[in-house]
Amino acid sequence: MDAVGLMDTLWILIATFLVFIMHAGFTLVETGFTRAKNSVNIIMKNFITIVIGLLVFFFIGNGLMFGKSAGGFAGTDGFILNLIDSANTQNFAIWMFQAVFAATAATIVSGAMAERTKFYSYIIFCVVITAAVYPIVGHWIWGGGWLAQMGMIDFAGSTVVHSVGGFAALAGALVLGPRLGKYNKNGTSNAIPGHNIPLGALGVLILWFGWFGFNPGSTLSASSQAIAPIAVNTALAGATGALGALILVWIRYKKPDASMVLNGALAGLVGITAGCAVVSPLSAMAIGLLSGIIVSLSIDFIDKVLKIDDPVGAISVHGIGGVFGTLAVGLFAQEKYAALAGFDGVNGLFFGGGGHQLLVQFIGSMSSIAWSFTTMLVLFIIIKYTVGLRVSRETELKGLDIEEHGMEAYAGFQIFQNE
């Protein structure tokens, strides 16, 4: 391997390590935004996601995602990966980068299903999403499949990672039903506050930091001219996402709600993930701002109108945010930025490119959502009526930590909670 190849490999590994640490961020966000009595369960779910994701993606997922294409739908080889057979050991780094992405798609679902899901049922879900559901969408878009052939652009995964995870989360929340005490008989919603907002804030900051591996790392090249613009776009979109949520929630509720602002930052980051390599910094700011506003409206709509209980806002942040981010490529893409990342002649609707790219992005987003939501809905229904998906009423009231794991996160502390 020459010097350029070695630098590329090092860059991919650094980006991989940043994405890996995002799982600590997800763990802290989900733990902080939920109740103390379920903290160990949340830690275990996020931890087992890494364990299952790495192993299953090695044996099955990578082959379906990057193997030789069968009609543009899925890969057909490379299932038990033997990386040492390759003369180019950079493949080790690329596999690791993709594997931590696969685990990220799975861990998104944990938050929406928090505080009421059986641990072993969650493990079954992790196996299925990392073995087949995520890799097949990945093949369509990143593995040379039919959406790639159409020209869809999802540079770092607003659809492949975030929408897949977000709409799998929607399926899980629908089948599970709301937490006890979440909704009154008249349909009104009760707030169930998280027990540690500082922990959640730290988690968001870790996620934001990790996103600089997620987006710039997707260049897979240390010499790419797109790395710096992508990093700038990522930073700016996260900032304006938080600002958009802050402005909206302050106007609507007269208080700058911290949890909504934190989710606004995440929504901005999700929103820019698809187009981070093809838009200008000003466009990135617009995408982030709109993402922060959209996620605030979406969280309220899903909770108060649809009566779907999502403790951390994962469906809105990742699902709805992923859809908007994917469509934003068709609106805001500019050729002079896209060319830096190898996309020639790409302009969005707002920059004279017409509606073609927007249509391609829409088709790609909707088809990926249909696959993820439908397959996961079927899986969760099967789990529900076989081994069981939801814990008992007694376990939910007492807390999953004691009943599912036999321990407490805060042993020795007296914690008062309203059920």
Protein backbone atom coordinates (compact mmCIF):
# COMPACT_ATOMS: atom_id res chain seq x y z
CA MET A 1 0.00 0.00 0.00
CA ASP A 2 1.41 3.39 -0.99
CA ALA A 3 1.52 6.50 1.21
CA VAL A 4 -1.82 7.80 -0.11
CA GLY A 5 -3.47 4.46 0.63
CA LEU A 6 -2.03 4.43 4.15
CA MET A 7 -3.34 7.95 4.81
CA ASP A 8 -6.77 7.01 3.48
CA THR A 9 -6.83 3.94 5.72
CA LEU A 10 -5.84 6.00 8.75
CA TRP A 11 -8.57 8.57 7.98
CA ILE A 12 -11.22 5.86 7.64
CA LEU A 13 -10.18 4.34 10.97
CA ILE A 14 -10.22 7.71 12.75
CA ALA A 15 -13.71 8.35 11.37
CA THR A 16 -14.74 4.83 12.44
CA PHE A 17 -13.62 5.46 16.00
CA LEU A 18 -15.60 8.71 16.08
CA VAL A 19 -18.75 6.93 14.87
CA PHE A 20 -18.16 4.15 17.39
CA ILE A 21 -18.12 6.64 20.27
CA MET A 22 -21.48 7.96 19.07
CA HIS A 23 -22.98 4.89 20.72
CA ALA A 24 -21.92 6.37 24.06
CA GLY A 25 -23.81 9.49 23.03
CA PHE A 26 -26.95 7.53 22.16
CA THR A 27 -26.72 5.71 25.50
CA LEU A 28 -26.45 8.95 27.48
CA VAL A 29 -29.23 10.72 25.57
CA GLU A 30 -31.64 7.84 26.00
CA THR A 31 -30.72 7.31 29.66
CA GLY A 32 -31.00 10.98 30.52
CA PHE A 33 -34.33 11.46 28.74
CA THR A 34 -35.99 8.52 30.54
CA ARG A 35 -36.54 7.48 34.16
CA ALA A 36 -33.85 6.33 36.55
CA LYS A 37 -35.46 2.94 37.14
CA ASN A 38 -34.78 1.90 33.54
CA SER A 39 -31.20 3.12 33.18
CA VAL A 40 -29.46 -0.26 33.33
CA ASN A 41 -31.86 -1.65 30.74
CA ILE A 42 -31.09 1.23 28.39
CA ILE A 43 -27.36 0.84 28.88
CA MET A 44 -27.63 -2.88 28.16
CA LYS A 45 -29.73 -2.35 25.02
CA ASN A 46 -27.29 0.16 23.57
CA PHE A 47 -24.30 -1.97 24.50
CA ILE A 48 -25.75 -5.17 23.04
CA THR A 49 -26.52 -3.25 19.84
CA ILE A 50 -22.78 -2.83 19.27
CA VAL A 51 -22.11 -6.48 20.10
CA ILE A 52 -24.83 -7.83 17.80
CA GLY A 53 -24.26 -5.24 15.08
CA LEU A 54 -20.56 -5.95 14.61
CA LEU A 55 -20.94 -9.72 14.57
CA VAL A 56 -24.07 -9.96 12.41
CA PHE A 57 -22.78 -7.40 9.90
CA PHE A 58 -19.57 -9.42 9.60
CA PHE A 59 -21.32 -12.72 8.88
CA ILE A 60 -24.37 -11.57 6.90
CA GLY A 61 -24.99 -7.84 6.55
CA ASN A 62 -21.88 -6.84 4.63
CA GLY A 63 -22.58 -9.45 1.94
CA LEU A 64 -26.15 -8.28 1.42
CA MET A 65 -24.99 -4.67 1.33
CA PHE A 66 -21.82 -4.79 -0.77
CA GLY A 67 -21.83 -8.19 -2.44
CA LYS A 68 -22.34 -8.75 -6.15
CA SER A 69 -25.75 -7.29 -6.95
CA ALA A 70 -28.76 -9.46 -7.78
CA GLY A 71 -30.98 -7.23 -9.89
CA GLY A 72 -30.09 -4.16 -7.86
CA PHE A 73 -31.91 -5.50 -4.77
CA ALA A 74 -29.25 -7.18 -2.62
CA GLY A 75 -25.73 -8.56 -2.63
CA THR A 76 -25.13 -12.25 -3.13
CA ASP A 77 -21.62 -12.96 -1.88
CA GLY A 78 -19.13 -11.99 0.83
CA PHE A 79 -21.28 -13.25 3.69
CA ILE A 80 -18.60 -14.63 5.98
CA LEU A 81 -16.07 -11.95 5.31
CA ASN A 82 -12.46 -13.07 4.86
CA LEU A 83 -10.78 -9.72 4.64
CA ILE A 84 -7.23 -11.09 4.66
CA ASP A 85 -7.84 -12.59 1.21
CA SER A 86 -7.67 -9.07 -0.16
CA ALA A 87 -4.35 -7.66 -1.21
CA ASN A 88 -5.65 -4.25 -0.14
CA THR A 89 -5.97 -4.31 3.64
CA GLN A 90 -7.83 -0.99 3.52
CA ASN A 91 -10.88 -3.24 3.21
CA PHE A 92 -10.53 -3.94 6.93
CA ALA A 93 -11.02 -0.25 7.68
CA ILE A 94 -13.91 0.14 5.24
CA TRP A 95 -15.68 -2.86 6.77
CA MET A 96 -15.32 -1.43 10.28
CA PHE A 97 -16.67 1.94 9.14
CA GLN A 98 -19.74 0.32 7.61
CA ALA A 99 -20.26 -1.99 10.59
CA VAL A 100 -20.53 0.84 13.11
CA PHE A 101 -23.01 2.54 10.76
CA ALA A 102 -25.16 -0.61 10.80
CA ALA A 103 -25.19 -0.60 14.60
CA THR A 104 -26.16 3.08 14.59
CA ALA A 105 -29.30 2.37 12.56
CA ALA A 106 -30.30 -0.25 15.13
CA THR A 107 -29.62 1.82 18.23
CA ILE A 108 -31.94 4.61 17.03
CA VAL A 109 -34.88 2.27 17.65
CA SER A 110 -33.97 1.69 21.29
CA GLY A 111 -35.06 5.18 22.35
CA ALA A 112 -38.55 5.02 20.86
CA MET A 113 -39.14 1.63 22.53
CA ALA A 114 -37.62 2.57 25.86
CA GLU A 115 -39.02 1.67 29.29
CA ARG A 116 -41.32 -1.16 28.19
CA THR A 117 -39.52 -3.60 25.86
CA LYS A 118 -38.29 -7.06 26.83
CA PHE A 119 -34.52 -7.30 26.57
CA TYR A 120 -34.39 -10.59 24.67
CA SER A 121 -36.98 -9.33 22.20
CA TYR A 122 -34.78 -6.31 21.54
CA ILE A 123 -31.89 -8.68 20.79
CA ILE A 124 -34.00 -10.45 18.16
CA PHE A 125 -34.75 -7.09 16.57
CA CYS A 126 -31.04 -6.16 16.52
CA VAL A 127 -30.15 -9.35 14.68
CA VAL A 128 -32.78 -8.82 11.98
CA ILE A 129 -32.16 -5.13 11.30
CA THR A 130 -28.38 -5.49 11.04
CA ALA A 131 -28.55 -8.76 9.10
CA ALA A 132 -31.07 -7.77 6.44
CA VAL A 133 -33.20 -4.64 6.80
CA TYR A 134 -30.45 -2.02 6.97
CA PRO A 135 -28.04 -3.78 4.56
CA ILE A 136 -30.65 -4.09 1.80
CA VAL A 137 -31.42 -0.36 1.83
CA GLY A 138 -27.66 0.19 2.00
CA HIS A 139 -27.24 -1.93 -1.12
CA TRP A 140 -29.91 0.03 -2.99
CA ILE A 141 -28.13 3.33 -2.32
CA TRP A 142 -24.46 2.64 -1.47
CA GLY A 143 -23.88 -0.83 -2.88
CA GLY A 144 -24.62 -0.11 -6.54
CA GLY A 145 -28.30 -1.07 -6.31
CA TRP A 146 -31.28 0.30 -8.15
CA LEU A 147 -31.45 3.65 -6.34
CA ALA A 148 -27.75 4.26 -6.92
CA GLN A 149 -28.34 3.56 -10.60
CA MET A 150 -31.12 6.18 -10.59
CA GLY A 151 -28.67 8.75 -9.20
CA MET A 152 -29.92 9.09 -5.64
CA ILE A 153 -27.54 10.99 -3.34
CA ASP A 154 -27.43 10.10 0.34
CA PHE A 155 -23.83 10.89 1.10
CA ALA A 156 -23.64 9.82 4.75
CA GLY A 157 -27.02 8.28 5.49
CA SER A 158 -30.04 10.52 6.15
CA THR A 159 -32.04 7.69 4.56
CA VAL A 160 -29.77 4.64 4.82
CA VAL A 161 -29.11 5.09 8.55
CA HIS A 162 -31.56 7.60 10.01
CA SER A 163 -34.81 7.03 8.13
CA VAL A 164 -34.32 3.26 8.30
CA GLY A 165 -33.82 3.49 12.06
CA GLY A 166 -36.51 6.13 12.56
CA PHE A 167 -39.28 4.27 10.77
CA ALA A 168 -38.29 0.96 12.34
CA ALA A 169 -38.72 2.87 15.60
CA LEU A 170 -42.20 3.96 14.51
CA ALA A 171 -43.15 0.34 13.84
CA GLY A 172 -41.87 -0.70 17.26
CA ALA A 173 -43.66 2.10 19.11
CA LEU A 174 -46.95 1.31 17.34
CA VAL A 175 -46.86 -2.38 18.22
CA LEU A 176 -45.71 -1.76 21.80
CA GLY A 177 -48.21 0.93 22.68
CA PRO A 178 -47.56 3.83 25.09
CA ARG A 179 -45.99 3.62 28.53
CA LEU A 180 -48.33 3.29 31.49
CA GLY A 181 -49.67 6.69 32.49
CA LYS A 182 -48.63 8.43 29.29
CA TYR A 183 -52.15 9.17 28.05
CA ASN A 184 -55.34 9.94 29.95
CA LYS A 185 -58.76 8.49 29.14
CA ASN A 186 -59.71 11.75 27.42
CA GLY A 187 -56.70 11.44 25.12
CA THR A 188 -54.56 14.15 26.66
CA SER A 189 -50.84 13.50 27.00
CA ASN A 190 -48.87 13.50 30.25
CA ALA A 191 -45.22 14.50 30.32
CA ILE A 192 -42.93 11.81 31.73
CA PRO A 193 -39.75 13.80 32.44
CA GLY A 194 -36.30 12.36 31.96
CA HIS A 195 -34.35 11.91 35.17
CA ASN A 196 -31.02 13.43 34.10
CA ILE A 197 -31.01 16.21 31.48
CA PRO A 198 -27.28 16.96 32.05
CA LEU A 199 -26.55 13.37 31.02
CA GLY A 200 -28.72 13.83 27.93
CA ALA A 201 -26.93 17.07 27.04
CA LEU A 202 -23.55 15.36 27.32
CA GLY A 203 -24.86 12.62 25.05
CA VAL A 204 -25.91 15.16 22.40
CA LEU A 205 -22.48 16.79 22.49
CA ILE A 206 -20.80 13.40 22.09
CA LEU A 207 -23.09 12.64 19.14
CA TRP A 208 -22.28 16.00 17.54
CA PHE A 209 -18.56 15.29 17.98
CA GLY A 210 -18.98 11.82 16.49
CA TRP A 211 -20.82 13.28 13.51
CA PHE A 212 -17.49 14.70 12.33
CA GLY A 213 -16.55 11.09 11.68
CA PHE A 214 -19.97 10.18 10.33
CA ASN A 215 -20.12 12.85 7.60
CA PRO A 216 -16.54 13.81 6.64
CA GLY A 217 -15.47 10.18 7.10
CA SER A 218 -17.85 9.12 4.35
CA THR A 219 -15.38 10.52 1.82
CA LEU A 220 -13.29 7.40 2.59
CA SER A 221 -10.27 9.42 1.48
CA ALA A 222 -7.90 11.63 3.45
CA SER A 223 -7.03 13.54 0.29
CA SER A 224 -10.61 14.47 -0.65
CA GLN A 225 -11.17 18.20 -1.08
CA ALA A 226 -14.68 17.73 0.27
CA ILE A 227 -13.65 16.92 3.86
CA ALA A 228 -13.40 20.51 5.12
CA PRO A 229 -16.64 21.76 3.49
CA ILE A 230 -18.47 18.71 4.83
CA ALA A 231 -17.18 19.38 8.36
CA VAL A 232 -18.23 23.04 8.13
CA ASN A 233 -21.69 22.09 6.85
CA THR A 234 -22.08 19.56 9.65
CA ALA A 235 -21.16 22.08 12.34
CA LEU A 236 -23.39 24.83 10.95
CA ALA A 237 -26.44 22.59 10.45
CA GLY A 238 -26.23 21.32 14.02
CA ALA A 239 -26.04 24.90 15.29
CA THR A 240 -28.98 26.18 13.25
CA GLY A 241 -30.98 23.06 14.08
CA ALA A 242 -30.68 23.92 17.76
CA LEU A 243 -31.51 27.56 17.00
CA GLY A 244 -34.61 26.68 14.99
CA ALA A 245 -35.97 24.50 17.77
CA LEU A 246 -35.10 27.14 20.37
CA ILE A 247 -36.95 29.92 18.55
CA LEU A 248 -40.04 27.82 17.92
CA VAL A 249 -40.37 26.35 21.41
CA TRP A 250 -39.72 29.73 23.04
CA ILE A 251 -42.46 31.35 20.97
CA ARG A 252 -44.96 28.53 21.46
CA TYR A 253 -44.43 27.74 25.14
CA LYS A 254 -42.72 30.91 26.46
CA LYS A 255 -39.85 28.78 27.81
CA PRO A 256 -36.61 27.68 26.07
CA ASP A 257 -37.08 23.95 26.71
CA ALA A 258 -33.70 22.21 26.92
CA SER A 259 -34.77 18.79 25.67
CA MET A 260 -36.34 20.28 22.55
CA VAL A 261 -33.25 22.38 21.79
CA LEU A 262 -31.02 19.32 22.20
CA ASN A 263 -33.23 17.37 19.81
CA GLY A 264 -33.14 20.35 17.43
CA ALA A 265 -29.35 20.08 17.22
CA LEU A 266 -29.63 16.36 16.46
CA ALA A 267 -32.30 17.04 13.83
CA GLY A 268 -30.03 19.57 12.13
CA LEU A 269 -27.25 16.98 12.04
CA VAL A 270 -29.57 14.32 10.64
CA GLY A 271 -30.90 16.79 8.09
CA ILE A 272 -27.48 17.67 6.68
CA THR A 273 -26.21 14.08 6.57
CA ALA A 274 -27.53 13.28 3.08
CA GLY A 275 -26.41 16.50 1.43
CA CYS A 276 -23.34 17.48 3.47
CA ALA A 277 -21.06 17.01 0.44
CA VAL A 278 -23.22 18.73 -2.18
CA VAL A 279 -24.53 21.95 -0.58
CA SER A 280 -23.03 25.30 0.41
CA PRO A 281 -22.54 26.40 4.03
CA LEU A 282 -25.45 28.85 3.69
CA SER A 283 -27.67 26.05 2.40
CA ALA A 284 -26.50 23.84 5.27
CA MET A 285 -27.63 26.54 7.69
CA ALA A 286 -31.04 26.69 6.01
CA ILE A 287 -31.38 22.89 6.11
CA GLY A 288 -30.43 22.84 9.79
CA LEU A 289 -32.80 25.65 10.72
CA LEU A 290 -35.72 24.00 8.95
CA SER A 291 -34.83 20.63 10.49
CA GLY A 292 -34.95 22.12 13.99
CA ILE A 293 -38.36 23.65 13.35
CA ILE A 294 -39.72 20.49 11.71
CA VAL A 295 -38.58 18.21 14.54
CA SER A 296 -40.26 20.40 17.16
CA LEU A 297 -43.55 20.31 15.29
CA SER A 298 -43.19 16.59 14.60
CA ILE A 299 -42.55 15.63 18.23
CA ASP A 300 -45.71 17.44 19.30
CA PHE A 301 -47.76 15.98 16.44
CA ILE A 302 -46.67 12.40 17.08
CA ASP A 303 -47.29 12.73 20.81
CA LYS A 304 -50.45 14.81 21.01
CA VAL A 305 -52.24 14.00 17.74
CA LEU A 306 -51.14 10.49 16.77
CA LYS A 307 -50.82 9.37 20.43
CA ILE A 308 -47.60 7.50 19.74
CA ASP A 309 -45.28 7.37 22.75
CA ASP A 310 -41.66 8.06 21.79
CA PRO A 311 -39.74 8.85 25.00
CA VAL A 312 -36.73 10.48 23.31
CA GLY A 313 -38.18 11.82 20.05
CA ALA A 314 -36.29 9.30 17.90
CA ILE A 315 -39.04 8.96 15.28
CA SER A 316 -39.07 12.71 14.67
CA VAL A 317 -35.32 13.33 14.88
CA HIS A 318 -34.18 10.41 12.75
CA GLY A 319 -37.24 9.37 10.76
CA ILE A 320 -38.81 12.70 9.82
CA GLY A 321 -35.44 14.47 9.93
CA GLY A 322 -34.00 11.85 7.60
CA VAL A 323 -36.81 12.33 5.08
CA PHE A 324 -36.36 16.10 5.04
CA GLY A 325 -32.58 15.82 4.76
CA THR A 326 -32.87 13.45 1.82
CA LEU A 327 -35.34 15.71 -0.01
CA ALA A 328 -33.19 18.76 0.78
CA VAL A 329 -30.53 17.40 -1.59
CA GLY A 330 -32.99 17.83 -4.44
CA LEU A 331 -33.60 21.43 -3.36
CA PHE A 332 -30.22 22.77 -2.28
CA ALA A 333 -27.53 20.80 -4.17
CA GLN A 334 -24.98 22.91 -6.06
CA GLU A 335 -22.65 21.57 -8.72
CA LYS A 336 -19.55 23.45 -7.54
CA TYR A 337 -19.75 21.79 -4.12
CA ALA A 338 -20.97 18.41 -5.38
CA ALA A 339 -18.04 18.15 -7.78
CA LEU A 340 -15.60 18.17 -4.85
CA ALA A 341 -17.12 14.86 -3.71
CA GLY A 342 -17.30 13.34 -7.19
CA PHE A 343 -20.90 14.20 -8.09
CA ASP A 344 -20.82 15.90 -11.46
CA GLY A 345 -23.59 18.08 -12.86
CA VAL A 346 -25.79 17.95 -9.76
CA ASN A 347 -27.97 20.98 -9.03
CA GLY A 348 -31.09 21.12 -6.90
CA LEU A 349 -34.37 22.83 -7.69
CA PHE A 350 -33.31 26.10 -6.03
CA PHE A 351 -30.13 26.27 -8.11
CA GLY A 352 -31.45 25.71 -11.60
CA GLY A 353 -31.41 21.92 -11.67
CA GLY A 354 -35.14 21.40 -12.13
CA GLY A 355 -37.12 18.74 -10.32
CA HIS A 356 -35.35 15.57 -11.48
CA GLN A 357 -33.02 15.17 -8.50
CA LEU A 358 -35.83 15.98 -6.09
CA LEU A 359 -37.98 13.26 -7.67
CA VAL A 360 -35.16 10.72 -7.41
CA GLN A 361 -34.62 11.65 -3.75
CA PHE A 362 -38.35 11.29 -3.06
CA ILE A 363 -38.54 7.85 -4.69
CA GLY A 364 -35.48 6.71 -2.77
CA SER A 365 -36.75 8.01 0.55
CA MET A 366 -40.26 6.57 0.24
CA SER A 367 -39.14 3.15 -0.99
CA SER A 368 -36.59 2.83 1.82
CA ILE A 369 -39.19 3.85 4.40
CA ALA A 370 -41.68 1.33 2.99
CA TRP A 371 -39.10 -1.46 3.27
CA SER A 372 -37.94 -0.57 6.76
CA PHE A 373 -41.36 0.14 8.27
CA THR A 374 -43.12 -2.85 6.72
CA THR A 375 -40.47 -5.45 7.55
CA MET A 376 -40.05 -4.18 11.09
CA LEU A 377 -43.81 -3.98 11.66
CA VAL A 378 -44.15 -7.63 10.64
CA LEU A 379 -41.21 -8.60 12.84
CA PHE A 380 -42.53 -6.79 15.92
CA ILE A 381 -46.00 -8.30 15.47
CA ILE A 382 -44.47 -11.79 15.21
CA ILE A 383 -42.40 -11.17 18.34
CA LYS A 384 -45.44 -9.82 20.18
CA TYR A 385 -47.51 -12.93 19.55
CA THR A 386 -44.71 -15.46 20.10
CA VAL A 387 -42.07 -14.68 22.73
CA GLY A 388 -43.65 -11.36 23.72
CA LEU A 389 -42.48 -7.82 23.05
CA ARG A 390 -43.59 -5.87 26.10
CA VAL A 391 -42.77 -6.43 29.75
CA SER A 392 -45.55 -7.02 32.27
CA ARG A 393 -47.38 -4.18 33.98
CA GLU A 394 -45.65 -5.05 37.26
CA THR A 395 -42.21 -4.95 35.65
CA GLU A 396 -42.90 -1.62 33.98
CA LEU A 397 -44.09 -0.05 37.23
CA LYS A 398 -41.18 -1.38 39.24
CA GLY A 399 -38.63 -0.63 36.56
CA LEU A 400 -36.87 -2.83 34.03
CA ASP A 401 -33.54 -2.59 35.84
CA ILE A 402 -34.60 -4.77 38.75
CA GLU A 403 -36.92 -7.15 36.93
CA GLU A 404 -34.93 -7.61 33.69
CA HIS A 405 -31.34 -7.26 34.96
CA GLY A 406 -31.44 -7.75 38.73
CA MET A 407 -29.65 -4.50 39.58
CA GLU A 408 -30.04 -0.74 39.91
CA ALA A 409 -28.16 2.04 38.12
CA TYR A 410 -28.08 4.19 41.28
CA ALA A 411 -27.78 1.70 44.13
CA GLY A 412 -27.79 3.40 47.53
CA PHE A 413 -29.68 6.47 46.35
CA GLN A 414 -33.28 7.20 47.29
CA ILE A 415 -35.10 8.08 44.06
CA PHE A 416 -38.62 9.45 44.16
CA GLN A 417 -40.68 8.99 41.01
CA ASN A 418 -44.22 9.69 39.89
CA GLU A 419 -45.71 6.84 37.91
